[in-house]
Protein backbone atom coordinates (compact mmCIF):
# COMPACT_ATOMS: atom_id res chain seq x y z
CA MET A 1 0.00 0.00 0.00
CA LYS A 2 2.96 2.16 0.67
CA ARG A 3 6.62 1.54 1.33
CA LEU A 4 8.77 1.47 -1.76
CA PHE A 5 9.64 5.08 -1.42
CA ARG A 6 12.74 6.61 -2.91
CA PHE A 7 13.25 10.18 -4.09
CA LYS A 8 16.29 11.90 -5.55
CA PRO A 9 16.61 15.27 -3.75
CA LEU A 10 16.17 18.29 -5.97
CA ILE A 11 19.42 20.30 -6.07
CA ASN A 12 19.90 23.84 -7.38
CA ASN A 13 23.12 25.32 -8.77
CA ASN A 14 24.34 26.12 -5.26
CA ASN A 15 23.86 22.53 -4.13
CA LYS A 16 20.97 23.54 -1.89
CA ARG A 17 17.47 22.19 -1.94
CA THR A 18 15.10 24.77 -3.40
CA MET A 19 11.70 25.33 -1.86
CA THR A 20 9.11 28.05 -2.35
CA THR A 21 5.50 28.74 -1.50
CA LEU A 22 2.89 26.48 -2.79
CA ASN A 23 -0.62 26.90 -1.65
CA PRO A 24 -2.11 29.94 0.10
CA ASP A 25 -4.77 27.72 1.66
CA VAL A 26 -2.19 25.87 3.71
CA GLU A 27 -1.45 27.60 7.00
CA MET A 28 2.12 28.78 7.56
CA ALA A 29 3.33 27.21 4.29
CA SER A 30 7.09 27.64 3.96
CA PRO A 31 7.99 30.67 1.81
CA ASP A 32 10.95 28.89 0.21
CA ILE A 33 9.32 25.98 -1.57
CA ASP A 34 9.40 26.19 -5.36
CA ILE A 35 5.94 25.06 -6.43
CA THR A 36 7.12 24.61 -10.02
CA GLN A 37 9.23 21.63 -8.94
CA TYR A 38 6.37 19.69 -7.40
CA ASN A 39 3.04 18.08 -8.06
CA THR A 40 0.54 18.45 -5.23
CA VAL A 41 -2.08 16.08 -3.92
CA THR A 42 -4.74 17.33 -1.52
CA GLU A 43 -6.59 14.85 0.65
CA GLY A 44 -8.66 15.94 3.62
CA THR A 45 -6.90 18.97 5.11
CA ALA A 46 -3.43 17.86 3.98
CA THR A 47 -1.61 18.82 0.80
CA ILE A 48 1.40 16.67 -0.07
CA LEU A 49 4.26 17.51 -2.43
CA PHE A 50 5.78 15.10 -4.93
CA PRO A 51 8.80 16.05 -7.08
CA LYS A 52 7.85 16.30 -10.74
CA LYS A 53 11.12 14.69 -11.80
CA ASN A 54 10.15 11.44 -10.11
CA GLU A 55 7.58 8.92 -11.25
CA VAL A 56 5.29 8.85 -8.25
CA PHE A 57 2.07 6.96 -7.68
CA TYR A 58 -0.76 8.33 -5.61
CA ASN A 59 -3.59 5.86 -5.22
CA PRO A 60 -6.82 7.80 -4.56
CA VAL A 61 -8.62 4.55 -3.68
CA GLN A 62 -6.63 4.53 -0.42
CA GLN A 63 -8.34 7.72 0.77
CA PHE A 64 -11.08 5.50 2.16
CA ASN A 65 -8.50 3.67 4.27
CA ARG A 66 -7.18 6.93 5.72
CA ASP A 67 -10.67 8.38 6.26
CA MET A 68 -11.76 5.25 8.12
CA SER A 69 -8.57 5.34 10.18
CA ILE A 70 -9.13 8.94 11.25
CA ALA A 71 -12.73 8.20 12.19
CA ALA A 72 -11.70 5.09 14.15
CA ILE A 73 -8.91 6.87 16.02
CA ARG A 74 -11.14 9.83 16.85
CA THR A 75 -13.85 7.50 18.14
CA TRP A 76 -11.33 5.47 20.15
CA SER A 77 -9.67 8.60 21.57
CA GLU A 78 -12.96 9.87 22.98
CA ILE A 79 -13.46 6.54 24.75
CA PHE A 80 -9.81 6.33 25.83
CA ASN A 81 -9.73 9.86 27.26
CA LYS A 82 -13.05 9.38 29.02
CA GLU A 83 -11.77 6.20 30.66
CA LYS A 84 -8.64 8.02 31.84
CA ALA A 85 -10.70 10.87 33.25
CA GLU A 86 -12.98 8.45 35.07
CA ARG A 87 -10.00 6.71 36.67
CA MET A 88 -8.64 10.06 37.84
CA GLU A 89 -12.05 11.07 39.22
CA LYS A 90 -12.21 7.77 41.10
CA LYS A 91 -8.78 8.44 42.63
CA LEU A 92 -9.88 11.96 43.49
CA SER A 93 -12.94 10.70 45.33
CA LYS A 94 -10.76 8.34 47.40
CA ALA A 95 -8.00 10.85 48.15
CA LYS A 96 -7.91 11.85 51.84
CA ASP A 97 -5.41 14.70 52.14
CA GLU A 98 -5.65 18.05 50.39
CA LYS A 99 -2.22 17.74 48.80
CA SER A 100 -3.21 14.53 46.99
CA LYS A 101 -6.56 15.97 45.97
CA THR A 102 -4.90 19.07 44.51
CA ALA A 103 -2.34 17.02 42.57
CA ILE A 104 -5.00 14.70 41.14
CA GLN A 105 -7.31 17.61 40.29
CA ASN A 106 -4.48 19.40 38.47
CA ALA A 107 -3.68 16.24 36.52
CA LEU A 108 -7.34 15.82 35.64
CA ASP A 109 -7.65 19.44 34.49
CA LYS A 110 -4.52 19.06 32.35
CA HIS A 111 -5.84 15.82 30.87
CA ASN A 112 -9.15 17.42 29.91
CA THR A 113 -7.65 20.52 28.33
CA SER A 114 -4.38 19.46 26.70
CA ASP A 115 -3.21 17.18 23.92
CA ASN A 116 -2.71 13.84 25.56
CA PHE A 117 -2.11 10.85 23.29
CA THR A 118 0.51 9.73 20.79
CA ILE A 119 0.55 7.84 17.51
CA LEU A 120 3.29 5.86 15.80
CA GLU A 121 2.95 5.48 12.05
CA ALA A 122 5.60 2.83 11.67
CA LEU A 123 5.79 2.79 7.84
CA SER A 124 5.15 6.33 6.74
CA ALA A 125 6.49 6.87 3.18
CA SER A 126 5.35 10.38 2.14
CA GLY A 127 3.86 11.25 5.53
CA LEU A 128 0.40 11.92 4.10
CA ARG A 129 -1.33 9.80 6.74
CA SER A 130 0.60 11.37 9.62
CA VAL A 131 -0.03 14.90 8.39
CA ARG A 132 -3.74 14.17 8.18
CA TYR A 133 -3.70 12.66 11.66
CA ALA A 134 -2.00 15.76 13.06
CA LYS A 135 -4.41 18.17 11.37
CA GLU A 136 -7.67 16.26 11.75
CA ILE A 137 -7.54 14.42 15.11
CA PRO A 138 -8.21 16.53 18.23
CA GLN A 139 -6.09 16.21 21.39
CA LEU A 140 -3.28 14.45 19.52
CA LYS A 141 -0.02 15.27 21.26
CA GLN A 142 2.39 13.82 18.71
CA VAL A 143 2.57 11.47 15.77
CA VAL A 144 5.93 9.83 15.15
CA CYS A 145 6.30 9.49 11.40
CA ASN A 146 8.82 6.69 10.87
CA ASP A 147 10.43 5.31 7.75
CA ILE A 148 13.64 3.42 7.00
CA GLU A 149 14.44 5.40 3.84
CA THR A 150 16.33 8.70 4.09
CA ASP A 151 14.52 9.99 0.99
CA ALA A 152 11.21 9.32 2.69
CA ILE A 153 12.31 11.34 5.72
CA GLU A 154 13.24 14.24 3.41
CA SER A 155 9.77 14.09 1.92
CA ILE A 156 8.11 13.86 5.34
CA ARG A 157 10.02 16.93 6.57
CA ARG A 158 9.07 18.85 3.43
CA ASN A 159 5.39 17.92 3.77
CA VAL A 160 5.27 18.65 7.49
CA LYS A 161 6.76 22.09 6.86
CA TYR A 162 4.50 22.80 3.90
CA ASN A 163 1.39 21.97 5.92
CA GLY A 164 2.32 24.43 8.65
CA LEU A 165 3.08 21.78 11.25
CA SER A 166 6.00 21.56 13.62
CA GLU A 167 8.33 18.60 13.87
CA GLU A 168 7.30 18.40 17.49
CA LYS A 169 3.75 17.63 16.38
CA VAL A 170 4.73 15.37 13.46
CA LYS A 171 8.12 13.94 14.31
CA PRO A 172 10.05 12.50 11.34
CA ASN A 173 12.01 9.47 12.49
CA LEU A 174 14.56 7.53 10.45
CA GLY A 175 14.62 3.96 11.67
CA ASP A 176 13.68 0.36 11.24
CA ALA A 177 10.04 -0.03 12.25
CA MET A 178 10.68 -3.07 14.43
CA ARG A 179 13.55 -1.42 16.30
CA VAL A 180 11.45 1.68 16.92
CA MET A 181 8.69 -0.47 18.42
CA TYR A 182 11.04 -2.74 20.40
CA ASP A 183 12.67 0.33 21.94
CA THR A 184 9.47 0.84 23.94
CA VAL A 185 9.69 -2.56 25.63
CA GLY A 186 10.26 -2.24 29.37
CA THR A 187 9.55 1.50 29.35
CA ASP A 188 6.54 3.73 29.98
CA LEU A 189 7.09 5.41 26.60
CA LYS A 190 4.64 3.34 24.64
CA TYR A 191 2.43 4.70 21.88
CA ASP A 192 -1.31 5.05 22.42
CA VAL A 193 -1.92 4.22 18.76
CA VAL A 194 0.31 2.06 16.58
CA ASP A 195 -0.52 2.12 12.88
CA LEU A 196 0.84 -0.60 10.58
CA ASP A 197 0.09 0.04 6.93
CA PRO A 198 2.70 -1.83 4.88
CA TYR A 199 2.88 -2.84 1.26
CA GLY A 200 1.87 -6.49 1.57
CA SER A 201 1.70 -8.37 4.84
CA ALA A 202 1.82 -6.78 8.29
CA ALA A 203 2.94 -10.10 9.79
CA PRO A 204 6.65 -9.18 10.14
CA PHE A 205 5.78 -6.12 12.25
CA VAL A 206 3.14 -7.53 14.60
CA ASP A 207 5.40 -8.84 17.35
CA GLY A 208 6.81 -5.38 17.96
CA ALA A 209 3.46 -3.64 17.54
CA VAL A 210 1.60 -5.63 20.21
CA GLN A 211 4.32 -4.66 22.71
CA ALA A 212 4.64 -1.02 21.66
CA VAL A 213 0.98 -0.05 22.13
CA SER A 214 -0.09 1.34 25.51
CA GLU A 215 -2.63 -0.23 27.88
CA GLY A 216 -6.03 0.06 26.24
CA GLY A 217 -4.36 1.59 23.21
CA LEU A 218 -5.36 1.11 19.59
CA LEU A 219 -3.58 -1.10 17.09
CA CYS A 220 -4.46 -0.43 13.44
CA VAL A 221 -3.33 -3.08 10.96
CA THR A 222 -3.57 -3.27 7.18
CA CYS A 223 -2.73 -6.29 5.04
CA THR A 224 -2.77 -5.98 1.25
CA ASP A 225 -1.79 -9.58 0.47
CA LEU A 226 -5.46 -10.51 0.30
CA ALA A 227 -4.91 -13.11 -2.41
CA ILE A 228 -2.79 -15.07 0.06
CA LEU A 229 -5.15 -14.53 3.00
CA ALA A 230 -8.23 -15.41 0.97
CA GLY A 231 -6.68 -18.67 -0.21
CA SER A 232 -6.80 -17.98 -3.93
CA MET A 233 -3.15 -19.05 -4.15
CA HIS A 234 -0.51 -20.75 -2.02
CA PRO A 235 -2.31 -21.69 1.22
CA GLU A 236 1.05 -22.85 2.57
CA THR A 237 2.33 -19.28 2.28
CA CYS A 238 -0.65 -18.03 4.28
CA PHE A 239 0.08 -20.58 6.99
CA GLY A 240 3.71 -19.54 7.08
CA LYS A 241 2.85 -15.86 7.49
CA TYR A 242 -0.29 -16.01 9.62
CA GLY A 243 -0.26 -19.44 11.29
CA GLY A 244 -3.58 -20.51 9.78
CA MET A 245 -4.92 -22.18 6.64
CA PRO A 246 -7.29 -20.11 4.46
CA LEU A 247 -10.51 -21.34 2.87
CA LYS A 248 -11.43 -19.88 -0.50
CA GLY A 249 -14.78 -21.56 -1.06
CA MET A 250 -17.56 -19.29 0.15
CA PHE A 251 -16.35 -16.80 2.79
CA PRO A 252 -12.70 -16.06 1.92
CA HIS A 253 -12.68 -12.41 2.98
CA GLU A 254 -14.13 -13.00 6.43
CA MET A 255 -11.71 -15.91 6.82
CA ALA A 256 -8.91 -13.48 5.98
CA LEU A 257 -10.03 -11.10 8.73
CA ARG A 258 -10.22 -13.91 11.25
CA LEU A 259 -6.77 -15.22 10.31
CA VAL A 260 -5.25 -11.80 10.93
CA LEU A 261 -7.06 -11.41 14.27
CA GLN A 262 -5.83 -14.86 15.28
CA MET A 263 -2.28 -13.80 14.45
CA LEU A 264 -2.64 -10.61 16.52
CA GLN A 265 -3.95 -12.48 19.55
CA THR A 266 -1.33 -15.22 19.27
CA SER A 267 1.43 -12.59 19.20
CA ALA A 268 -0.10 -10.56 22.02
CA GLY A 269 -0.66 -13.64 24.19
CA ARG A 270 3.09 -14.26 24.41
CA TYR A 271 3.35 -11.06 26.42
CA LYS A 272 0.26 -11.65 28.62
CA ARG A 273 -1.75 -9.30 26.44
CA HIS A 274 -5.06 -9.75 24.66
CA ILE A 275 -6.92 -7.99 21.87
CA VAL A 276 -10.47 -6.67 21.68
CA PRO A 277 -11.55 -6.18 18.04
CA LEU A 278 -13.44 -2.92 17.53
CA VAL A 279 -14.11 -2.99 13.81
CA SER A 280 -12.70 -5.32 11.14
CA CYS A 281 -13.05 -4.32 7.52
CA SER A 282 -12.60 -6.16 4.25
CA ILE A 283 -12.03 -3.32 1.79
CA ASP A 284 -11.42 -3.60 -1.93
CA PHE A 285 -8.05 -5.37 -2.32
CA TYR A 286 -6.97 -5.26 1.34
CA LEU A 287 -8.20 -5.57 4.90
CA ARG A 288 -7.97 -3.18 7.83
CA VAL A 289 -8.58 -4.10 11.47
CA PHE A 290 -8.75 -1.91 14.58
CA VAL A 291 -8.20 -3.63 17.93
CA ARG A 292 -7.58 -2.49 21.49
CA VAL A 293 -4.73 -4.14 23.38
CA TYR A 294 -4.78 -4.87 27.13
CA THR A 295 -2.54 -6.69 29.58
CA SER A 296 -4.35 -9.48 31.44
CA PRO A 297 -3.02 -13.03 31.96
CA GLN A 298 -6.55 -14.09 32.92
CA GLN A 299 -7.98 -12.92 29.61
CA VAL A 300 -5.13 -14.56 27.70
CA LYS A 301 -6.26 -17.88 29.19
CA LYS A 302 -9.58 -17.40 27.40
CA SER A 303 -7.96 -17.01 24.00
CA ALA A 304 -8.08 -20.76 23.21
CA SER A 305 -11.88 -20.68 23.51
CA LYS A 306 -11.91 -17.78 21.04
CA MET A 307 -9.92 -19.67 18.41
CA ALA A 308 -11.49 -22.13 16.02
CA ILE A 309 -10.93 -24.40 13.08
CA VAL A 310 -13.49 -24.47 10.30
CA TYR A 311 -14.79 -27.39 8.26
CA GLU A 312 -16.07 -26.45 4.80
CA CYS A 313 -17.70 -29.05 2.56
CA SER A 314 -15.94 -29.38 -0.78
CA GLY A 315 -19.27 -30.03 -2.50
CA CYS A 316 -22.05 -27.83 -1.12
CA HIS A 317 -19.80 -25.52 0.95
CA ALA A 318 -21.76 -26.03 4.17
CA PHE A 319 -19.49 -25.11 7.07
CA SER A 320 -19.06 -25.88 10.74
CA VAL A 321 -16.99 -24.02 13.34
CA GLN A 322 -15.06 -26.00 15.97
CA HIS A 323 -13.57 -24.00 18.86
CA LEU A 324 -10.15 -25.15 20.02
CA GLY A 325 -10.80 -24.56 23.70
CA LYS A 326 -13.74 -24.76 26.06
CA MET A 327 -14.33 -22.69 29.18
CA SER A 328 -16.72 -23.53 32.01
CA ILE A 329 -17.49 -21.81 35.31
CA LYS A 330 -17.34 -23.84 38.51
CA ASP A 331 -19.82 -23.42 41.39
CA ASN A 332 -17.30 -21.24 43.22
CA GLY A 333 -16.99 -18.93 40.23
CA ALA A 334 -13.57 -20.22 39.13
CA GLU A 335 -12.93 -20.71 35.43
CA ARG A 336 -11.98 -24.09 34.05
CA HIS A 337 -10.32 -24.31 30.66
CA THR A 338 -10.24 -27.57 28.72
CA PRO A 339 -9.61 -28.64 25.11
CA GLY A 340 -12.62 -28.44 22.83
CA THR A 341 -14.44 -31.60 21.82
CA GLY A 342 -15.02 -32.68 18.27
CA PRO A 343 -15.01 -33.04 15.41
CA SER A 344 -18.16 -31.05 14.76
CA VAL A 345 -18.82 -32.83 11.44
CA ASN A 346 -18.90 -36.39 10.18
CA THR A 347 -16.26 -37.73 7.80
CA LEU A 348 -18.53 -36.90 4.86
CA CYS A 349 -20.93 -33.95 4.62
CA ASP A 350 -24.40 -34.78 5.95
CA ASN A 351 -25.94 -32.74 3.14
CA CYS A 352 -24.14 -33.99 0.01
CA ASN A 353 -21.70 -36.76 1.06
CA ASN A 354 -18.57 -34.88 0.04
CA ILE A 355 -15.33 -34.46 2.00
CA HIS A 356 -14.45 -31.39 4.08
CA HIS A 357 -11.61 -28.92 3.82
CA ILE A 358 -10.16 -27.68 7.11
CA GLY A 359 -9.23 -24.04 7.70
CA GLY A 360 -7.67 -22.21 10.59
CA PRO A 361 -6.99 -21.87 13.37
CA ALA A 362 -8.77 -18.55 13.06
CA TRP A 363 -10.40 -16.03 15.39
CA GLY A 364 -13.79 -17.51 16.30
CA ASP A 365 -15.15 -14.70 18.47
CA ASN A 366 -16.74 -11.37 17.53
CA ILE A 367 -14.83 -9.33 14.94
CA HIS A 368 -16.70 -6.08 15.71
CA ASN A 369 -17.73 -4.25 18.87
CA ASP A 370 -21.35 -3.05 18.53
CA GLU A 371 -20.97 -0.03 20.79
CA PHE A 372 -17.82 1.14 19.04
CA VAL A 373 -19.28 0.69 15.55
CA ALA A 374 -22.37 2.68 16.54
CA LYS A 375 -20.21 5.51 17.94
CA MET A 376 -17.98 5.54 14.87
CA LEU A 377 -20.97 5.58 12.52
CA GLN A 378 -22.53 8.46 14.44
CA HIS A 379 -19.23 10.33 14.32
CA VAL A 380 -19.12 9.98 10.53
CA LYS A 381 -22.71 11.18 10.22
CA ASP A 382 -21.93 14.20 12.40
CA ASN A 383 -18.76 15.04 10.44
CA GLU A 384 -19.58 14.17 6.83
CA ALA A 385 -17.96 17.32 5.49
CA ASN A 386 -14.60 16.20 6.92
CA TYR A 387 -14.43 12.98 4.94
CA GLY A 388 -14.18 12.75 1.17
CA THR A 389 -15.49 9.18 1.28
CA ALA A 390 -18.23 9.81 3.85
CA GLN A 391 -20.98 8.17 1.81
CA ARG A 392 -19.10 4.92 1.50
CA MET A 393 -18.02 5.11 5.15
CA LYS A 394 -21.64 5.40 6.26
CA GLY A 395 -22.64 2.51 4.00
CA MET A 396 -19.94 0.10 5.15
CA LEU A 397 -20.32 0.95 8.84
CA SER A 398 -24.09 0.58 8.58
CA VAL A 399 -23.73 -2.91 7.10
CA ILE A 400 -21.17 -3.80 9.78
CA LYS A 401 -23.54 -2.48 12.45
CA GLU A 402 -26.28 -4.78 11.11
CA GLU A 403 -24.06 -7.88 10.95
CA ILE A 404 -25.01 -10.63 13.35
CA HIS A 405 -22.28 -12.12 15.53
CA THR A 406 -21.88 -15.54 13.98
CA PRO A 407 -18.81 -16.70 12.10
CA PHE A 408 -18.85 -16.82 8.31
CA TYR A 409 -21.58 -16.62 5.70
CA TRP A 410 -23.22 -18.24 2.72
CA THR A 411 -23.49 -16.59 -0.68
CA LEU A 412 -26.50 -16.54 -2.93
CA ALA A 413 -24.36 -17.68 -5.86
CA ARG A 414 -23.14 -20.76 -3.99
CA LEU A 415 -26.56 -21.69 -2.64
CA CYS A 416 -28.26 -21.48 -6.03
CA GLY A 417 -25.29 -22.66 -8.07
CA THR A 418 -24.86 -25.82 -6.02
CA ILE A 419 -28.35 -27.08 -6.86
CA HIS A 420 -28.51 -25.44 -10.31
CA CYS A 421 -31.71 -23.52 -9.58
CA ASN A 422 -32.99 -20.09 -10.49
CA SER A 423 -31.72 -17.44 -8.12
CA ILE A 424 -33.89 -16.95 -5.07
CA PRO A 425 -34.68 -13.30 -4.26
CA VAL A 426 -32.70 -12.23 -1.19
CA VAL A 427 -35.82 -10.92 0.52
CA ASP A 428 -37.49 -14.34 0.13
CA LEU A 429 -34.45 -16.17 1.49
CA PHE A 430 -34.12 -13.80 4.45
CA SER A 431 -37.85 -14.06 5.16
CA ALA A 432 -37.70 -17.86 5.20
CA ILE A 433 -34.74 -17.81 7.61
CA LEU A 434 -36.43 -15.29 9.92
CA ASN A 435 -39.75 -17.15 9.81
CA ALA A 436 -37.90 -20.32 10.83
CA GLY A 437 -36.76 -18.53 14.01
CA TYR A 438 -33.16 -17.75 13.09
CA LYS A 439 -31.18 -14.53 12.67
CA VAL A 440 -29.88 -13.30 9.34
CA SER A 441 -28.00 -10.34 7.90
CA ASN A 442 -25.65 -9.42 5.10
CA SER A 443 -21.91 -9.30 5.62
CA HIS A 444 -19.91 -6.27 4.56
CA CYS A 445 -17.45 -8.78 3.04
CA GLY A 446 -19.70 -9.72 0.15
CA LYS A 447 -22.57 -8.19 -1.78
CA GLN A 448 -24.70 -11.36 -1.93
CA SER A 449 -23.69 -12.72 1.47
CA VAL A 450 -26.11 -14.45 3.83
CA LYS A 451 -24.89 -14.40 7.43
CA THR A 452 -27.07 -16.54 9.66
CA ASP A 453 -27.11 -18.76 12.72
CA ALA A 454 -29.36 -21.26 10.91
CA PRO A 455 -27.63 -24.66 10.60
CA SER A 456 -26.77 -25.99 7.15
CA HIS A 457 -29.66 -28.47 7.00
CA VAL A 458 -32.12 -25.59 7.50
CA MET A 459 -30.50 -23.61 4.70
CA TRP A 460 -30.80 -26.57 2.35
CA ASP A 461 -34.38 -27.22 3.51
CA ILE A 462 -35.20 -23.66 2.45
CA MET A 463 -33.53 -24.19 -0.91
CA ARG A 464 -35.39 -27.51 -1.39
CA ALA A 465 -38.67 -25.70 -0.76
CA TRP A 466 -37.64 -23.04 -3.28
CA VAL A 467 -36.86 -25.71 -5.89
CA LYS A 468 -40.30 -27.27 -5.36
CA LYS A 469 -41.76 -23.94 -6.44
CA ASN A 470 -39.13 -23.42 -9.13
CA PRO A 471 -38.15 -26.89 -10.43
CA VAL A 472 -34.73 -27.60 -11.89
CA VAL A 473 -34.04 -29.81 -14.93
CA MET A 474 -32.48 -32.88 -13.35
CA ASN A 475 -31.34 -34.24 -16.73
CA ASN A 476 -28.77 -31.43 -16.85
CA ILE A 477 -27.26 -32.38 -13.47
CA ALA A 478 -24.38 -34.86 -13.27
CA GLU A 479 -24.93 -38.10 -11.36
CA ASN A 480 -22.23 -37.30 -8.79
CA SER A 481 -23.30 -33.68 -8.34
CA PRO A 482 -23.99 -32.42 -4.79
CA ALA A 483 -27.32 -31.18 -6.16
CA ARG A 484 -28.65 -34.71 -6.57
CA ALA A 485 -27.79 -35.69 -3.00
CA ILE A 486 -29.33 -32.49 -1.60
CA LEU A 487 -32.51 -32.53 -3.66
CA ALA A 488 -33.12 -36.23 -3.02
CA LYS A 489 -33.98 -35.40 0.59
CA GLU A 490 -37.28 -33.98 1.78
CA PRO A 491 -37.34 -30.75 3.86
CA THR A 492 -37.34 -31.39 7.61
CA ILE A 493 -38.97 -28.05 8.48
CA GLU A 494 -42.04 -26.18 7.27
CA VAL A 495 -40.58 -23.42 5.11
CA ASP A 496 -42.50 -20.14 5.11
CA PHE A 497 -41.62 -17.57 2.44
CA THR A 498 -44.13 -15.00 3.76
CA ARG A 499 -42.51 -11.57 3.61
CA HIS A 500 -40.92 -10.80 6.99
CA PRO A 501 -40.79 -7.13 8.10
CA ASP A 502 -37.07 -7.43 8.94
CA ALA A 503 -36.08 -9.10 5.68
CA THR A 504 -34.94 -5.79 4.20
CA SER A 505 -32.17 -4.13 6.19
CA GLN A 506 -32.26 -0.47 7.10
CA SER A 507 -29.05 0.25 5.17
CA LYS A 508 -30.63 -1.19 2.01
CA ALA A 509 -33.90 0.61 2.58
CA GLU A 510 -31.98 3.89 2.91
CA HIS A 511 -30.13 3.19 -0.37
CA LEU A 512 -26.71 3.65 1.23
CA VAL A 513 -23.51 2.96 -0.67
CA ARG A 514 -23.09 -0.42 0.92
CA TYR A 515 -20.58 -2.04 -1.46
CA GLN A 516 -17.84 -0.43 -3.50
CA VAL A 517 -18.25 0.05 -7.23
CA ASN A 518 -14.94 0.00 -9.13
CA PRO A 519 -14.04 3.71 -9.35
CA THR A 520 -11.79 3.47 -12.41
CA ALA A 521 -10.57 0.97 -14.96
CA ASN A 522 -7.64 -1.18 -13.80
CA TRP A 523 -7.99 0.07 -10.24
CA GLY A 524 -6.41 -1.68 -7.30
CA PRO A 525 -3.08 -1.68 -5.49
CA LYS A 526 -0.25 0.03 -7.27
CA ALA A 527 2.57 -2.25 -8.33
CA ARG A 528 5.54 -2.74 -6.06
CA ALA A 529 8.52 -0.86 -7.41
CA GLY A 530 10.50 -3.03 -9.81
CA GLN A 531 14.26 -3.56 -9.80
CA LYS A 532 14.79 -1.12 -12.63
CA ARG A 533 12.52 1.59 -11.22
CA LYS A 534 13.13 1.37 -7.50
CA THR A 535 15.27 4.52 -7.30
CA ASP A 536 12.53 6.83 -8.44
CA GLU A 537 9.20 5.24 -7.61
CA GLN A 538 6.88 5.43 -4.65
CA VAL A 539 3.92 3.29 -3.81
CA PHE A 540 1.65 4.36 -0.96
């Protein structure tokens, strides 16, 4: 998404870098930046300079990533600062002597009125993200803008200066991202937000990140190697990077999110820390997750019961989730942790007699926090003018807010394609599921997704009832097709297609931009800089 960042400094006849004024709209823009030497890109309140002599890529599709990140950090910071204030107020109420009360009250007043949290952008490239953070996030004390390339640091300094910011607010830092994060270990100088946004996998940086983030702080992670995570190629590579096997059949993008969350928890658990996912997003060609990190050996013990392996039928794609651990509460309130029991499926699929593929281990618990998503959505609605991608932000967050908390989903294409029937209208399918007493929603991961707690035999019962109303031509179906095994069985429930009032979601009724439409031809991640071009190309 960004990294490969190399610029040749612009030199004048006196061997000095030339800079003149650029944009009157930018506060305190440096008067010695030569605008004729640069191309400018404005995003949010930031304007970034790129030398015209270099071939530089700016990917406008990534604005959504940065907009979502700002909204998430602002939402988190309100919660984080409120929690800090409440802890101080609790101490104040318990303080007995006047000296202690005065000291605590002064600290509380300072906390409420001053900038009070820090961000590390570990892989900064041009500094666009950090500049936006500094200009658009209230109460931010400092963002450390780190990169390993000296040319990137030159660019960051230039962009910080051009945007009227001080290097105290946006601190350029030349260093290896892992060393910068490891330097916080054993100190109180941790970062309240750690942002990992690499080109490719974030896996190499996670061990340092889970240690560098403060107690209750926010860890923001992007992975752009979605083809690996979604299992479309080289599942062994995914296992090597993330410690889990992907499944590409029906829910690859949610599987990708859960593999990354599993990796984060596994890394955090080594240091007696645990994660709490706030919002997990499958976006275009990458994923982005926001999690809080806490220290609690007791909570780490629960992580096994939050991990799962997944069985997916190779024929009809029915799936079953098997948790690795099991937790029970004794009569005295003590927790007892034991291995999970299984398997949760028979050797062959009960629906179509095909074998299963096994995925995971993956995160088997909630991937979103309802309260946080609601707050973030409300923040976006209240600040639409601040976000260039506000309409899409509202749409995605609304779908996420409506998602039910059950792992994985079906797709309309798989359900209908498996039994070779005419496509069932989504509202009819949702109505049948709801009328049968189960929950259902879309997933933000897929346009025709069906997320439900209904077991697989109920889903196929519904499809059998649909086929009775809309017969298929059996002569066109192969003898060994899963369709024949499924349709040979009679429904075990009374299927009711009567229109249910909750079958149409609010986000759909409001005609929100729920799923991305390709903005341009050949859009997607920019190519990694090649061997021949690496001295003058940036990807971010």
